[in-house]
Amino acid sequence: MDKRRGLPAGTLLSFPGMTCEIVAESGRGSNAIVYLGRYSDALNAGQWHNVLIKELFPYHDNGAIYRSETGSTVCHTDEGSELMELHRRSFIWGNEAHLRLRAANPAEV
């Protein structure tokens, strides 16, 4: 059973130029948890933009990849380090592939 602890609704995440609020968990897979988030429009007060936020948080059978006590960081034991690194590389590669596709075919993505 998947015992990963996702971020609760209302959690604020700071990104360059904006702060996003977690609205709800949208789904989870073997290497990530996806959240529905939102951020306020900087020019139009009271307007919000919805986004999907993907958090690298691989599933490990023995719980060797886990969330810190404060909830702010995904951590791993020595046992989970190899799996975490494998998923980190896969996560980055997937994001880079999507960015290349978008750059090559912006109307298609």
PDB file of N, CA and C in Angstrom:
ATOM      1  N   MET A   1       0.836  -1.190   0.000  1.00  0.00           N
ATOM      2  CA  MET A   1       0.000   0.000   0.000  1.00  0.00           C
ATOM      3  C   MET A   1       0.880   1.253   0.000  1.00  0.00           C
ATOM      4  N   ASP A   2       0.456   2.265  -0.735  1.00  0.00           N
ATOM      5  CA  ASP A   2       1.203   3.510  -0.855  1.00  0.00           C
ATOM      6  C   ASP A   2       1.007   4.350   0.402  1.00  0.00           C
ATOM      7  N   LYS A   3       2.077   4.502   1.182  1.00  0.00           N
ATOM      8  CA  LYS A   3       1.987   5.239   2.438  1.00  0.00           C
ATOM      9  C   LYS A   3       2.610   6.630   2.340  1.00  0.00           C
ATOM     10  N   ARG A   4       2.912   7.095   1.100  1.00  0.00           N
ATOM     11  CA  ARG A   4       3.469   8.443   0.962  1.00  0.00           C
ATOM     12  C   ARG A   4       2.462   9.471   1.461  1.00  0.00           C
ATOM     13  N   ARG A   5       2.976  10.462   2.149  1.00  0.00           N
ATOM     14  CA  ARG A   5       2.143  11.533   2.696  1.00  0.00           C
ATOM     15  C   ARG A   5       2.221  12.734   1.759  1.00  0.00           C
ATOM     16  N   GLY A   6       1.128  12.995   1.048  1.00  0.00           N
ATOM     17  CA  GLY A   6       1.084  14.130   0.131  1.00  0.00           C
ATOM     18  C   GLY A   6       0.958  15.446   0.874  1.00  0.00           C
ATOM     19  N   LEU A   7       1.141  16.529   0.132  1.00  0.00           N
ATOM     20  CA  LEU A   7       0.987  17.858   0.717  1.00  0.00           C
ATOM     21  C   LEU A   7      -0.497  18.160   0.916  1.00  0.00           C
ATOM     22  N   PRO A   8      -0.867  18.729   2.044  1.00  0.00           N
ATOM     23  CA  PRO A   8      -2.282  19.016   2.284  1.00  0.00           C
ATOM     24  C   PRO A   8      -2.762  20.248   1.508  1.00  0.00           C
ATOM     25  N   ALA A   9      -4.065  20.280   1.258  1.00  0.00           N
ATOM     26  CA  ALA A   9      -4.675  21.463   0.646  1.00  0.00           C
ATOM     27  C   ALA A   9      -4.345  22.682   1.496  1.00  0.00           C
ATOM     28  N   GLY A  10      -4.083  23.787   0.822  1.00  0.00           N
ATOM     29  CA  GLY A  10      -3.733  25.020   1.529  1.00  0.00           C
ATOM     30  C   GLY A  10      -2.236  25.247   1.646  1.00  0.00           C
ATOM     31  N   THR A  11      -1.420  24.214   1.363  1.00  0.00           N
ATOM     32  CA  THR A  11       0.034  24.379   1.404  1.00  0.00           C
ATOM     33  C   THR A  11       0.446  25.404   0.366  1.00  0.00           C
ATOM     34  N   LEU A  12       1.315  26.333   0.736  1.00  0.00           N
ATOM     35  CA  LEU A  12       1.828  27.344  -0.179  1.00  0.00           C
ATOM     36  C   LEU A  12       3.226  26.951  -0.635  1.00  0.00           C
ATOM     37  N   LEU A  13       3.443  26.999  -1.944  1.00  0.00           N
ATOM     38  CA  LEU A  13       4.744  26.678  -2.537  1.00  0.00           C
ATOM     39  C   LEU A  13       5.275  27.906  -3.251  1.00  0.00           C
ATOM     40  N   SER A  14       6.500  28.290  -2.946  1.00  0.00           N
ATOM     41  CA  SER A  14       7.093  29.472  -3.572  1.00  0.00           C
ATOM     42  C   SER A  14       7.886  29.075  -4.806  1.00  0.00           C
ATOM     43  N   PHE A  15       7.557  29.688  -5.921  1.00  0.00           N
ATOM     44  CA  PHE A  15       8.283  29.526  -7.176  1.00  0.00           C
ATOM     45  C   PHE A  15       8.782  30.906  -7.585  1.00  0.00           C
ATOM     46  N   PRO A  16       9.780  30.976  -8.453  1.00  0.00           N
ATOM     47  CA  PRO A  16      10.245  32.304  -8.888  1.00  0.00           C
ATOM     48  C   PRO A  16       9.092  33.121  -9.485  1.00  0.00           C
ATOM     49  N   GLY A  17       8.818  34.254  -8.886  1.00  0.00           N
ATOM     50  CA  GLY A  17       7.793  35.159  -9.396  1.00  0.00           C
ATOM     51  C   GLY A  17       6.372  34.858  -8.970  1.00  0.00           C
ATOM     52  N   MET A  18       6.132  33.771  -8.242  1.00  0.00           N
ATOM     53  CA  MET A  18       4.760  33.473  -7.827  1.00  0.00           C
ATOM     54  C   MET A  18       4.743  32.493  -6.662  1.00  0.00           C
ATOM     55  N   THR A  19       3.637  32.519  -5.968  1.00  0.00           N
ATOM     56  CA  THR A  19       3.368  31.539  -4.925  1.00  0.00           C
ATOM     57  C   THR A  19       2.122  30.771  -5.329  1.00  0.00           C
ATOM     58  N   CYS A  20       2.222  29.444  -5.317  1.00  0.00           N
ATOM     59  CA  CYS A  20       1.084  28.588  -5.661  1.00  0.00           C
ATOM     60  C   CYS A  20       0.515  27.973  -4.394  1.00  0.00           C
ATOM     61  N   GLU A  21      -0.786  27.806  -4.389  1.00  0.00           N
ATOM     62  CA  GLU A  21      -1.485  27.150  -3.298  1.00  0.00           C
ATOM     63  C   GLU A  21      -1.959  25.781  -3.770  1.00  0.00           C
ATOM     64  N   ILE A  22      -1.702  24.743  -2.976  1.00  0.00           N
ATOM     65  CA  ILE A  22      -2.217  23.407  -3.283  1.00  0.00           C
ATOM     66  C   ILE A  22      -3.717  23.410  -3.011  1.00  0.00           C
ATOM     67  N   VAL A  23      -4.496  23.000  -4.007  1.00  0.00           N
ATOM     68  CA  VAL A  23      -5.945  22.907  -3.855  1.00  0.00           C
ATOM     69  C   VAL A  23      -6.328  21.478  -3.470  1.00  0.00           C
ATOM     70  N   ALA A  24      -5.731  20.499  -4.174  1.00  0.00           N
ATOM     71  CA  ALA A  24      -6.037  19.097  -3.908  1.00  0.00           C
ATOM     72  C   ALA A  24      -5.002  18.210  -4.578  1.00  0.00           C
ATOM     73  N   GLU A  25      -4.893  16.989  -4.107  1.00  0.00           N
ATOM     74  CA  GLU A  25      -4.064  16.007  -4.801  1.00  0.00           C
ATOM     75  C   GLU A  25      -4.839  15.541  -6.024  1.00  0.00           C
ATOM     76  N   SER A  26      -4.147  15.474  -7.160  1.00  0.00           N
ATOM     77  CA  SER A  26      -4.797  15.082  -8.414  1.00  0.00           C
ATOM     78  C   SER A  26      -4.505  13.629  -8.773  1.00  0.00           C
ATOM     79  N   GLY A  27      -3.335  13.133  -8.392  1.00  0.00           N
ATOM     80  CA  GLY A  27      -2.988  11.750  -8.696  1.00  0.00           C
ATOM     81  C   GLY A  27      -1.585  11.432  -8.220  1.00  0.00           C
ATOM     82  N   ARG A  28      -1.230  10.162  -8.321  1.00  0.00           N
ATOM     83  CA  ARG A  28       0.120   9.740  -7.942  1.00  0.00           C
ATOM     84  C   ARG A  28       0.513   8.539  -8.761  1.00  0.00           C
ATOM     85  N   GLY A  29       1.810   8.455  -9.028  1.00  0.00           N
ATOM     86  CA  GLY A  29       2.369   7.333  -9.765  1.00  0.00           C
ATOM     87  C   GLY A  29       3.604   6.842  -9.063  1.00  0.00           C
ATOM     88  N   SER A  30       4.400   6.040  -9.748  1.00  0.00           N
ATOM     89  CA  SER A  30       5.563   5.433  -9.107  1.00  0.00           C
ATOM     90  C   SER A  30       6.638   6.445  -8.750  1.00  0.00           C
ATOM     91  N   ASN A  31       6.695   7.596  -9.459  1.00  0.00           N
ATOM     92  CA  ASN A  31       7.772   8.531  -9.145  1.00  0.00           C
ATOM     93  C   ASN A  31       7.311   9.914  -8.698  1.00  0.00           C
ATOM     94  N   ALA A  32       6.016  10.178  -8.662  1.00  0.00           N
ATOM     95  CA  ALA A  32       5.586  11.537  -8.331  1.00  0.00           C
ATOM     96  C   ALA A  32       4.171  11.568  -7.763  1.00  0.00           C
ATOM     97  N   ILE A  33       3.880  12.695  -7.119  1.00  0.00           N
ATOM     98  CA  ILE A  33       2.514  13.034  -6.725  1.00  0.00           C
ATOM     99  C   ILE A  33       2.183  14.313  -7.478  1.00  0.00           C
ATOM    100  N   VAL A  34       0.988  14.368  -8.047  1.00  0.00           N
ATOM    101  CA  VAL A  34       0.550  15.535  -8.814  1.00  0.00           C
ATOM    102  C   VAL A  34      -0.579  16.220  -8.052  1.00  0.00           C
ATOM    103  N   TYR A  35      -0.493  17.542  -8.000  1.00  0.00           N
ATOM    104  CA  TYR A  35      -1.468  18.347  -7.280  1.00  0.00           C
ATOM    105  C   TYR A  35      -2.131  19.341  -8.225  1.00  0.00           C
ATOM    106  N   LEU A  36      -3.387  19.651  -7.950  1.00  0.00           N
ATOM    107  CA  LEU A  36      -4.034  20.794  -8.566  1.00  0.00           C
ATOM    108  C   LEU A  36      -3.660  21.978  -7.694  1.00  0.00           C
ATOM    109  N   GLY A  37      -3.123  23.008  -8.340  1.00  0.00           N
ATOM    110  CA  GLY A  37      -2.737  24.201  -7.607  1.00  0.00           C
ATOM    111  C   GLY A  37      -3.317  25.431  -8.264  1.00  0.00           C
ATOM    112  N   ARG A  38      -3.095  26.564  -7.640  1.00  0.00           N
ATOM    113  CA  ARG A  38      -3.547  27.819  -8.216  1.00  0.00           C
ATOM    114  C   ARG A  38      -2.642  28.941  -7.738  1.00  0.00           C
ATOM    115  N   TYR A  39      -2.609  30.017  -8.551  1.00  0.00           N
ATOM    116  CA  TYR A  39      -1.887  31.213  -8.144  1.00  0.00           C
ATOM    117  C   TYR A  39      -2.689  32.430  -8.582  1.00  0.00           C
ATOM    118  N   SER A  40      -2.537  33.515  -7.850  1.00  0.00           N
ATOM    119  CA  SER A  40      -3.320  34.712  -8.149  1.00  0.00           C
ATOM    120  C   SER A  40      -2.690  35.478  -9.307  1.00  0.00           C
ATOM    121  N   ASP A  41      -3.550  36.085 -10.110  1.00  0.00           N
ATOM    122  CA  ASP A  41      -3.114  36.894 -11.243  1.00  0.00           C
ATOM    123  C   ASP A  41      -2.519  38.190 -10.708  1.00  0.00           C
ATOM    124  N   ALA A  42      -1.307  38.507 -11.125  1.00  0.00           N
ATOM    125  CA  ALA A  42      -0.619  39.690 -10.618  1.00  0.00           C
ATOM    126  C   ALA A  42      -1.267  40.990 -11.097  1.00  0.00           C
ATOM    127  N   LEU A  43      -1.997  40.945 -12.208  1.00  0.00           N
ATOM    128  CA  LEU A  43      -2.590  42.165 -12.761  1.00  0.00           C
ATOM    129  C   LEU A  43      -4.075  42.312 -12.484  1.00  0.00           C
ATOM    130  N   ASN A  44      -4.758  41.220 -12.272  1.00  0.00           N
ATOM    131  CA  ASN A  44      -6.208  41.246 -12.060  1.00  0.00           C
ATOM    132  C   ASN A  44      -6.544  40.685 -10.686  1.00  0.00           C
ATOM    133  N   ALA A  45      -6.752  41.572  -9.748  1.00  0.00           N
ATOM    134  CA  ALA A  45      -7.042  41.157  -8.370  1.00  0.00           C
ATOM    135  C   ALA A  45      -8.264  40.242  -8.334  1.00  0.00           C
ATOM    136  N   GLY A  46      -8.164  39.173  -7.568  1.00  0.00           N
ATOM    137  CA  GLY A  46      -9.264  38.237  -7.410  1.00  0.00           C
ATOM    138  C   GLY A  46      -9.338  37.159  -8.479  1.00  0.00           C
ATOM    139  N   GLN A  47      -8.478  37.226  -9.473  1.00  0.00           N
ATOM    140  CA  GLN A  47      -8.447  36.216 -10.523  1.00  0.00           C
ATOM    141  C   GLN A  47      -7.378  35.175 -10.203  1.00  0.00           C
ATOM    142  N   TRP A  48      -7.677  33.920 -10.476  1.00  0.00           N
ATOM    143  CA  TRP A  48      -6.755  32.832 -10.179  1.00  0.00           C
ATOM    144  C   TRP A  48      -6.474  32.024 -11.441  1.00  0.00           C
ATOM    145  N   HIS A  49      -5.279  31.466 -11.509  1.00  0.00           N
ATOM    146  CA  HIS A  49      -4.890  30.573 -12.598  1.00  0.00           C
ATOM    147  C   HIS A  49      -4.666  29.188 -12.000  1.00  0.00           C
ATOM    148  N   ASN A  50      -5.248  28.170 -12.621  1.00  0.00           N
ATOM    149  CA  ASN A  50      -5.077  26.793 -12.164  1.00  0.00           C
ATOM    150  C   ASN A  50      -3.866  26.178 -12.844  1.00  0.00           C
ATOM    151  N   VAL A  51      -3.118  25.394 -12.097  1.00  0.00           N
ATOM    152  CA  VAL A  51      -1.928  24.720 -12.608  1.00  0.00           C
ATOM    153  C   VAL A  51      -1.859  23.311 -12.034  1.00  0.00           C
ATOM    154  N   LEU A  52      -1.104  22.460 -12.699  1.00  0.00           N
ATOM    155  CA  LEU A  52      -0.758  21.159 -12.136  1.00  0.00           C
ATOM    156  C   LEU A  52       0.676  21.246 -11.644  1.00  0.00           C
ATOM    157  N   ILE A  53       0.912  20.717 -10.468  1.00  0.00           N
ATOM    158  CA  ILE A  53       2.245  20.739  -9.856  1.00  0.00           C
ATOM    159  C   ILE A  53       2.663  19.293  -9.624  1.00  0.00           C
ATOM    160  N   LYS A  54       3.806  18.930 -10.178  1.00  0.00           N
ATOM    161  CA  LYS A  54       4.308  17.561 -10.058  1.00  0.00           C
ATOM    162  C   LYS A  54       5.476  17.546  -9.074  1.00  0.00           C
ATOM    163  N   GLU A  55       5.314  16.782  -8.009  1.00  0.00           N
ATOM    164  CA  GLU A  55       6.345  16.681  -6.973  1.00  0.00           C
ATOM    165  C   GLU A  55       7.075  15.345  -7.107  1.00  0.00           C
ATOM    166  N   LEU A  56       8.382  15.406  -7.260  1.00  0.00           N
ATOM    167  CA  LEU A  56       9.185  14.185  -7.291  1.00  0.00           C
ATOM    168  C   LEU A  56       9.127  13.543  -5.906  1.00  0.00           C
ATOM    169  N   PHE A  57       8.482  12.382  -5.841  1.00  0.00           N
ATOM    170  CA  PHE A  57       8.330  11.663  -4.574  1.00  0.00           C
ATOM    171  C   PHE A  57       8.133  10.190  -4.907  1.00  0.00           C
ATOM    172  N   PRO A  58       9.231   9.492  -5.251  1.00  0.00           N
ATOM    173  CA  PRO A  58       9.121   8.082  -5.648  1.00  0.00           C
ATOM    174  C   PRO A  58       8.556   7.203  -4.541  1.00  0.00           C
ATOM    175  N   TYR A  59       7.836   6.184  -4.970  1.00  0.00           N
ATOM    176  CA  TYR A  59       7.318   5.180  -4.050  1.00  0.00           C
ATOM    177  C   TYR A  59       8.407   4.163  -3.762  1.00  0.00           C
ATOM    178  N   HIS A  60       8.607   3.829  -2.502  1.00  0.00           N
ATOM    179  CA  HIS A  60       9.552   2.796  -2.083  1.00  0.00           C
ATOM    180  C   HIS A  60       8.813   1.820  -1.176  1.00  0.00           C
ATOM    181  N   ASP A  61       8.895   0.529  -1.510  1.00  0.00           N
ATOM    182  CA  ASP A  61       8.165  -0.499  -0.752  1.00  0.00           C
ATOM    183  C   ASP A  61       8.396  -0.440   0.750  1.00  0.00           C
ATOM    184  N   ASN A  62       9.627  -0.137   1.160  1.00  0.00           N
ATOM    185  CA  ASN A  62       9.967  -0.153   2.586  1.00  0.00           C
ATOM    186  C   ASN A  62       9.898   1.225   3.240  1.00  0.00           C
ATOM    187  N   GLY A  63       9.388   2.210   2.513  1.00  0.00           N
ATOM    188  CA  GLY A  63       9.296   3.555   3.081  1.00  0.00           C
ATOM    189  C   GLY A  63      10.627   4.261   3.192  1.00  0.00           C
ATOM    190  N   ALA A  64      11.617   3.842   2.393  1.00  0.00           N
ATOM    191  CA  ALA A  64      12.953   4.442   2.462  1.00  0.00           C
ATOM    192  C   ALA A  64      12.993   5.818   1.798  1.00  0.00           C
ATOM    193  N   ILE A  65      11.913   6.224   1.138  1.00  0.00           N
ATOM    194  CA  ILE A  65      11.743   7.583   0.633  1.00  0.00           C
ATOM    195  C   ILE A  65      10.489   8.111   1.315  1.00  0.00           C
ATOM    196  N   TYR A  66      10.627   9.228   2.009  1.00  0.00           N
ATOM    197  CA  TYR A  66       9.554   9.687   2.890  1.00  0.00           C
ATOM    198  C   TYR A  66       9.575  11.211   3.007  1.00  0.00           C
ATOM    199  N   ARG A  67       8.520  11.777   3.557  1.00  0.00           N
ATOM    200  CA  ARG A  67       8.453  13.213   3.793  1.00  0.00           C
ATOM    201  C   ARG A  67       8.996  13.515   5.189  1.00  0.00           C
ATOM    202  N   SER A  68       9.728  14.625   5.310  1.00  0.00           N
ATOM    203  CA  SER A  68      10.289  15.027   6.603  1.00  0.00           C
ATOM    204  C   SER A  68       9.169  15.301   7.609  1.00  0.00           C
ATOM    205  N   GLU A  69       9.529  15.352   8.864  1.00  0.00           N
ATOM    206  CA  GLU A  69       8.548  15.615   9.934  1.00  0.00           C
ATOM    207  C   GLU A  69       7.830  16.950   9.726  1.00  0.00           C
ATOM    208  N   THR A  70       8.553  17.954   9.216  1.00  0.00           N
ATOM    209  CA  THR A  70       7.938  19.266   8.985  1.00  0.00           C
ATOM    210  C   THR A  70       7.052  19.256   7.743  1.00  0.00           C
ATOM    211  N   GLY A  71       7.216  18.235   6.891  1.00  0.00           N
ATOM    212  CA  GLY A  71       6.409  18.123   5.686  1.00  0.00           C
ATOM    213  C   GLY A  71       6.947  18.878   4.497  1.00  0.00           C
ATOM    214  N   SER A  72       8.060  19.580   4.676  1.00  0.00           N
ATOM    215  CA  SER A  72       8.547  20.451   3.609  1.00  0.00           C
ATOM    216  C   SER A  72       9.528  19.787   2.648  1.00  0.00           C
ATOM    217  N   THR A  73      10.058  18.625   2.996  1.00  0.00           N
ATOM    218  CA  THR A  73      11.121  18.022   2.196  1.00  0.00           C
ATOM    219  C   THR A  73      10.880  16.529   2.007  1.00  0.00           C
ATOM    220  N   VAL A  74      11.179  16.042   0.799  1.00  0.00           N
ATOM    221  CA  VAL A  74      11.187  14.605   0.549  1.00  0.00           C
ATOM    222  C   VAL A  74      12.596  14.114   0.862  1.00  0.00           C
ATOM    223  N   CYS A  75      12.704  13.113   1.722  1.00  0.00           N
ATOM    224  CA  CYS A  75      13.986  12.598   2.200  1.00  0.00           C
ATOM    225  C   CYS A  75      14.128  11.129   1.807  1.00  0.00           C
ATOM    226  N   HIS A  76      15.318  10.583   2.002  1.00  0.00           N
ATOM    227  CA  HIS A  76      15.524   9.155   1.774  1.00  0.00           C
ATOM    228  C   HIS A  76      16.625   8.634   2.685  1.00  0.00           C
ATOM    229  N   THR A  77      16.522   7.371   3.004  1.00  0.00           N
ATOM    230  CA  THR A  77      17.564   6.681   3.752  1.00  0.00           C
ATOM    231  C   THR A  77      18.619   6.206   2.751  1.00  0.00           C
ATOM    232  N   ASP A  78      19.693   5.610   3.241  1.00  0.00           N
ATOM    233  CA  ASP A  78      20.706   5.031   2.349  1.00  0.00           C
ATOM    234  C   ASP A  78      20.072   3.998   1.419  1.00  0.00           C
ATOM    235  N   GLU A  79      19.134   3.222   1.960  1.00  0.00           N
ATOM    236  CA  GLU A  79      18.461   2.198   1.159  1.00  0.00           C
ATOM    237  C   GLU A  79      17.689   2.810  -0.012  1.00  0.00           C
ATOM    238  N   GLY A  80      17.154   4.001   0.173  1.00  0.00           N
ATOM    239  CA  GLY A  80      16.348   4.629  -0.871  1.00  0.00           C
ATOM    240  C   GLY A  80      17.117   5.533  -1.815  1.00  0.00           C
ATOM    241  N   SER A  81      18.408   5.740  -1.566  1.00  0.00           N
ATOM    242  CA  SER A  81      19.160   6.719  -2.355  1.00  0.00           C
ATOM    243  C   SER A  81      19.283   6.348  -3.837  1.00  0.00           C
ATOM    244  N   GLU A  82      19.520   5.097  -4.144  1.00  0.00           N
ATOM    245  CA  GLU A  82      19.664   4.689  -5.545  1.00  0.00           C
ATOM    246  C   GLU A  82      18.351   4.870  -6.307  1.00  0.00           C
ATOM    247  N   LEU A  83      17.245   4.479  -5.700  1.00  0.00           N
ATOM    248  CA  LEU A  83      15.940   4.636  -6.346  1.00  0.00           C
ATOM    249  C   LEU A  83      15.589   6.113  -6.507  1.00  0.00           C
ATOM    250  N   MET A  84      15.896   6.928  -5.506  1.00  0.00           N
ATOM    251  CA  MET A  84      15.627   8.365  -5.587  1.00  0.00           C
ATOM    252  C   MET A  84      16.402   8.981  -6.743  1.00  0.00           C
ATOM    253  N   GLU A  85      17.660   8.630  -6.887  1.00  0.00           N
ATOM    254  CA  GLU A  85      18.488   9.180  -7.967  1.00  0.00           C
ATOM    255  C   GLU A  85      17.982   8.727  -9.335  1.00  0.00           C
ATOM    256  N   LEU A  86      17.600   7.473  -9.460  1.00  0.00           N
ATOM    257  CA  LEU A  86      17.045   6.962 -10.715  1.00  0.00           C
ATOM    258  C   LEU A  86      15.804   7.760 -11.116  1.00  0.00           C
ATOM    259  N   HIS A  87      14.895   7.979 -10.177  1.00  0.00           N
ATOM    260  CA  HIS A  87      13.666   8.719 -10.468  1.00  0.00           C
ATOM    261  C   HIS A  87      13.936  10.201 -10.685  1.00  0.00           C
ATOM    262  N   ARG A  88      14.929  10.753 -10.001  1.00  0.00           N
ATOM    263  CA  ARG A  88      15.296  12.157 -10.209  1.00  0.00           C
ATOM    264  C   ARG A  88      15.755  12.368 -11.647  1.00  0.00           C
ATOM    265  N   ARG A  89      16.623  11.475 -12.143  1.00  0.00           N
ATOM    266  CA  ARG A  89      17.102  11.589 -13.533  1.00  0.00           C
ATOM    267  C   ARG A  89      15.950  11.424 -14.515  1.00  0.00           C
ATOM    268  N   SER A  90      15.065  10.471 -14.262  1.00  0.00           N
ATOM    269  CA  SER A  90      13.908  10.235 -15.131  1.00  0.00           C
ATOM    270  C   SER A  90      12.972  11.442 -15.125  1.00  0.00           C
ATOM    271  N   PHE A  91      12.757  12.027 -13.971  1.00  0.00           N
ATOM    272  CA  PHE A  91      11.894  13.195 -13.797  1.00  0.00           C
ATOM    273  C   PHE A  91      12.432  14.367 -14.622  1.00  0.00           C
ATOM    274  N   ILE A  92      13.738  14.627 -14.502  1.00  0.00           N
ATOM    275  CA  ILE A  92      14.371  15.722 -15.251  1.00  0.00           C
ATOM    276  C   ILE A  92      14.309  15.440 -16.744  1.00  0.00           C
ATOM    277  N   TRP A  93      14.625  14.226 -17.152  1.00  0.00           N
ATOM    278  CA  TRP A  93      14.604  13.867 -18.565  1.00  0.00           C
ATOM    279  C   TRP A  93      13.203  14.077 -19.150  1.00  0.00           C
ATOM    280  N   GLY A  94      12.175  13.640 -18.446  1.00  0.00           N
ATOM    281  CA  GLY A  94      10.804  13.802 -18.915  1.00  0.00           C
ATOM    282  C   GLY A  94      10.419  15.262 -19.070  1.00  0.00           C
ATOM    283  N   ASN A  95      10.795  16.087 -18.104  1.00  0.00           N
ATOM    284  CA  ASN A  95      10.490  17.516 -18.192  1.00  0.00           C
ATOM    285  C   ASN A  95      11.235  18.167 -19.353  1.00  0.00           C
ATOM    286  N   GLU A  96      12.495  17.789 -19.548  1.00  0.00           N
ATOM    287  CA  GLU A  96      13.262  18.336 -20.674  1.00  0.00           C
ATOM    288  C   GLU A  96      12.656  17.919 -22.008  1.00  0.00           C
ATOM    289  N   ALA A  97      12.188  16.684 -22.107  1.00  0.00           N
ATOM    290  CA  ALA A  97      11.554  16.212 -23.349  1.00  0.00           C
ATOM    291  C   ALA A  97      10.296  17.024 -23.644  1.00  0.00           C
ATOM    292  N   HIS A  98       9.493  17.301 -22.630  1.00  0.00           N
ATOM    293  CA  HIS A  98       8.286  18.104 -22.836  1.00  0.00           C
ATOM    294  C   HIS A  98       8.632  19.526 -23.262  1.00  0.00           C
ATOM    295  N   LEU A  99       9.667  20.105 -22.689  1.00  0.00           N
ATOM    296  CA  LEU A  99      10.071  21.455 -23.072  1.00  0.00           C
ATOM    297  C   LEU A  99      10.580  21.494 -24.510  1.00  0.00           C
ATOM    298  N   ARG A 100      11.332  20.463 -24.930  1.00  0.00           N
ATOM    299  CA  ARG A 100      11.806  20.401 -26.325  1.00  0.00           C
ATOM    300  C   ARG A 100      10.629  20.265 -27.283  1.00  0.00           C
ATOM    301  N   LEU A 101       9.657  19.423 -26.951  1.00  0.00           N
ATOM    302  CA  LEU A 101       8.472  19.279 -27.799  1.00  0.00           C
ATOM    303  C   LEU A 101       7.710  20.596 -27.903  1.00  0.00           C
ATOM    304  N   ARG A 102       7.578  21.281 -26.816  1.00  0.00           N
ATOM    305  CA  ARG A 102       6.859  22.561 -26.821  1.00  0.00           C
ATOM    306  C   ARG A 102       7.599  23.593 -27.659  1.00  0.00           C
ATOM    307  N   ALA A 103       8.930  23.635 -27.558  1.00  0.00           N
ATOM    308  CA  ALA A 103       9.713  24.590 -28.336  1.00  0.00           C
ATOM    309  C   ALA A 103       9.606  24.291 -29.830  1.00  0.00           C
ATOM    310  N   ALA A 104       9.598  23.011 -30.198  1.00  0.00           N
ATOM    311  CA  ALA A 104       9.556  22.620 -31.605  1.00  0.00           C
ATOM    312  C   ALA A 104       8.155  22.759 -32.190  1.00  0.00           C
ATOM    313  N   ASN A 105       7.120  22.536 -31.383  1.00  0.00           N
ATOM    314  CA  ASN A 105       5.733  22.539 -31.871  1.00  0.00           C
ATOM    315  C   ASN A 105       4.809  23.220 -30.873  1.00  0.00           C
ATOM    316  N   PRO A 106       4.950  24.515 -30.660  1.00  0.00           N
ATOM    317  CA  PRO A 106       4.157  25.180 -29.617  1.00  0.00           C
ATOM    318  C   PRO A 106       2.645  25.061 -29.820  1.00  0.00           C
ATOM    319  N   ALA A 107       2.199  25.013 -31.040  1.00  0.00           N
ATOM    320  CA  ALA A 107       0.751  24.914 -31.297  1.00  0.00           C
ATOM    321  C   ALA A 107       0.213  23.525 -31.002  1.00  0.00           C
ATOM    322  N   GLU A 108       1.088  22.536 -30.954  1.00  0.00           N
ATOM    323  CA  GLU A 108       0.675  21.159 -30.758  1.00  0.00           C
ATOM    324  C   GLU A 108       0.662  20.744 -29.294  1.00  0.00           C
ATOM    325  N   VAL A 109       1.343  21.485 -28.461  1.00  0.00           N
ATOM    326  CA  VAL A 109       1.475  21.091 -27.064  1.00  0.00           C
ATOM    327  C   VAL A 109       0.503  21.884 -26.207  1.00  0.00           C
TER     328      VAL A 109
END
